[in-house]
Amino acid sequence: IREARPKVTLVVRMAASVANYDYIVDWEFQTDGLIRIK
């Protein structure tokens, strides 16, 4: 028996301003266990 599930991604975003610079970091969590940081 096989299941068909849509690919779902949860994105957690952090934005920080440090000394006139803006930093944005995204963490992507996928249902297959993959974690990607951008």
N, C-alpha and C. Protein backbone atom coordinates (compact mmCIF):
# COMPACT_ATOMS: atom_id res chain seq x y z
N ILE A 1 0.86 -1.18 0.00
CA ILE A 1 0.00 0.00 0.00
C ILE A 1 0.89 1.23 0.00
N ARG A 2 0.59 2.15 -0.87
CA ARG A 2 1.36 3.39 -0.95
C ARG A 2 0.48 4.56 -0.59
N GLU A 3 1.11 5.55 0.00
CA GLU A 3 0.39 6.77 0.32
C GLU A 3 0.88 7.89 -0.58
N ALA A 4 -0.02 8.75 -0.93
CA ALA A 4 0.35 9.93 -1.71
C ALA A 4 0.04 11.15 -0.86
N ARG A 5 1.09 11.85 -0.48
CA ARG A 5 0.92 13.06 0.32
C ARG A 5 1.54 14.24 -0.41
N PRO A 6 0.92 15.38 -0.30
CA PRO A 6 1.55 16.56 -0.90
C PRO A 6 2.80 16.95 -0.10
N LYS A 7 3.76 17.52 -0.80
CA LYS A 7 4.98 17.98 -0.14
C LYS A 7 4.66 19.26 0.63
N VAL A 8 4.85 19.21 1.94
CA VAL A 8 4.53 20.35 2.81
C VAL A 8 5.83 20.86 3.42
N THR A 9 6.03 22.16 3.42
CA THR A 9 7.23 22.77 3.98
C THR A 9 6.82 23.85 4.98
N LEU A 10 7.41 23.78 6.16
CA LEU A 10 7.23 24.82 7.17
C LEU A 10 8.46 25.71 7.12
N VAL A 11 8.26 27.01 6.95
CA VAL A 11 9.37 27.96 6.88
C VAL A 11 9.33 28.84 8.12
N VAL A 12 10.46 28.86 8.84
CA VAL A 12 10.62 29.74 9.99
C VAL A 12 11.65 30.79 9.60
N ARG A 13 11.28 32.06 9.69
CA ARG A 13 12.16 33.14 9.24
C ARG A 13 12.57 34.01 10.42
N MET A 14 13.86 34.36 10.45
CA MET A 14 14.38 35.27 11.46
C MET A 14 15.01 36.46 10.74
N ALA A 15 14.67 37.65 11.18
CA ALA A 15 15.26 38.86 10.62
C ALA A 15 15.90 39.64 11.76
N ALA A 16 17.15 40.07 11.53
CA ALA A 16 17.88 40.82 12.55
C ALA A 16 18.61 41.98 11.90
N SER A 17 18.64 43.10 12.61
CA SER A 17 19.41 44.27 12.17
C SER A 17 20.56 44.47 13.13
N VAL A 18 21.78 44.40 12.58
CA VAL A 18 22.98 44.55 13.41
C VAL A 18 23.90 45.55 12.72
N ALA A 19 24.15 46.66 13.38
CA ALA A 19 25.11 47.67 12.91
C ALA A 19 24.89 48.04 11.44
N ASN A 20 23.71 48.52 11.11
CA ASN A 20 23.36 48.97 9.76
C ASN A 20 23.25 47.85 8.73
N TYR A 21 23.29 46.59 9.14
CA TYR A 21 23.14 45.46 8.22
C TYR A 21 21.88 44.70 8.61
N ASP A 22 21.16 44.21 7.61
CA ASP A 22 19.97 43.39 7.85
C ASP A 22 20.30 41.95 7.46
N TYR A 23 20.00 41.03 8.35
CA TYR A 23 20.23 39.61 8.12
C TYR A 23 18.89 38.89 8.16
N ILE A 24 18.65 38.05 7.17
CA ILE A 24 17.43 37.24 7.13
C ILE A 24 17.85 35.79 6.96
N VAL A 25 17.38 34.93 7.85
CA VAL A 25 17.69 33.50 7.79
C VAL A 25 16.38 32.73 7.74
N ASP A 26 16.28 31.80 6.81
CA ASP A 26 15.10 30.94 6.69
C ASP A 26 15.48 29.51 7.04
N TRP A 27 14.68 28.87 7.88
CA TRP A 27 14.80 27.45 8.15
C TRP A 27 13.61 26.79 7.48
N GLU A 28 13.85 25.81 6.62
CA GLU A 28 12.77 25.08 5.95
C GLU A 28 12.74 23.66 6.48
N PHE A 29 11.60 23.25 7.02
CA PHE A 29 11.40 21.90 7.55
C PHE A 29 10.40 21.19 6.64
N GLN A 30 10.81 20.06 6.07
CA GLN A 30 9.94 19.32 5.16
C GLN A 30 9.46 18.03 5.82
N THR A 31 8.35 17.51 5.33
CA THR A 31 7.75 16.32 5.93
C THR A 31 8.60 15.07 5.76
N ASP A 32 9.54 15.07 4.82
CA ASP A 32 10.40 13.90 4.64
C ASP A 32 11.64 13.95 5.55
N GLY A 33 11.71 14.95 6.44
CA GLY A 33 12.82 15.04 7.39
C GLY A 33 13.94 15.97 6.96
N LEU A 34 13.85 16.53 5.79
CA LEU A 34 14.89 17.43 5.30
C LEU A 34 14.77 18.79 5.98
N ILE A 35 15.92 19.31 6.43
CA ILE A 35 15.98 20.65 7.01
C ILE A 35 16.97 21.45 6.17
N ARG A 36 16.52 22.57 5.66
CA ARG A 36 17.37 23.41 4.80
C ARG A 36 17.44 24.80 5.42
N ILE A 37 18.64 25.35 5.48
CA ILE A 37 18.84 26.70 6.02
C ILE A 37 19.31 27.59 4.87
N LYS A 38 18.62 28.69 4.70
CA LYS A 38 18.98 29.64 3.62
C LYS A 38 19.28 30.99 4.22
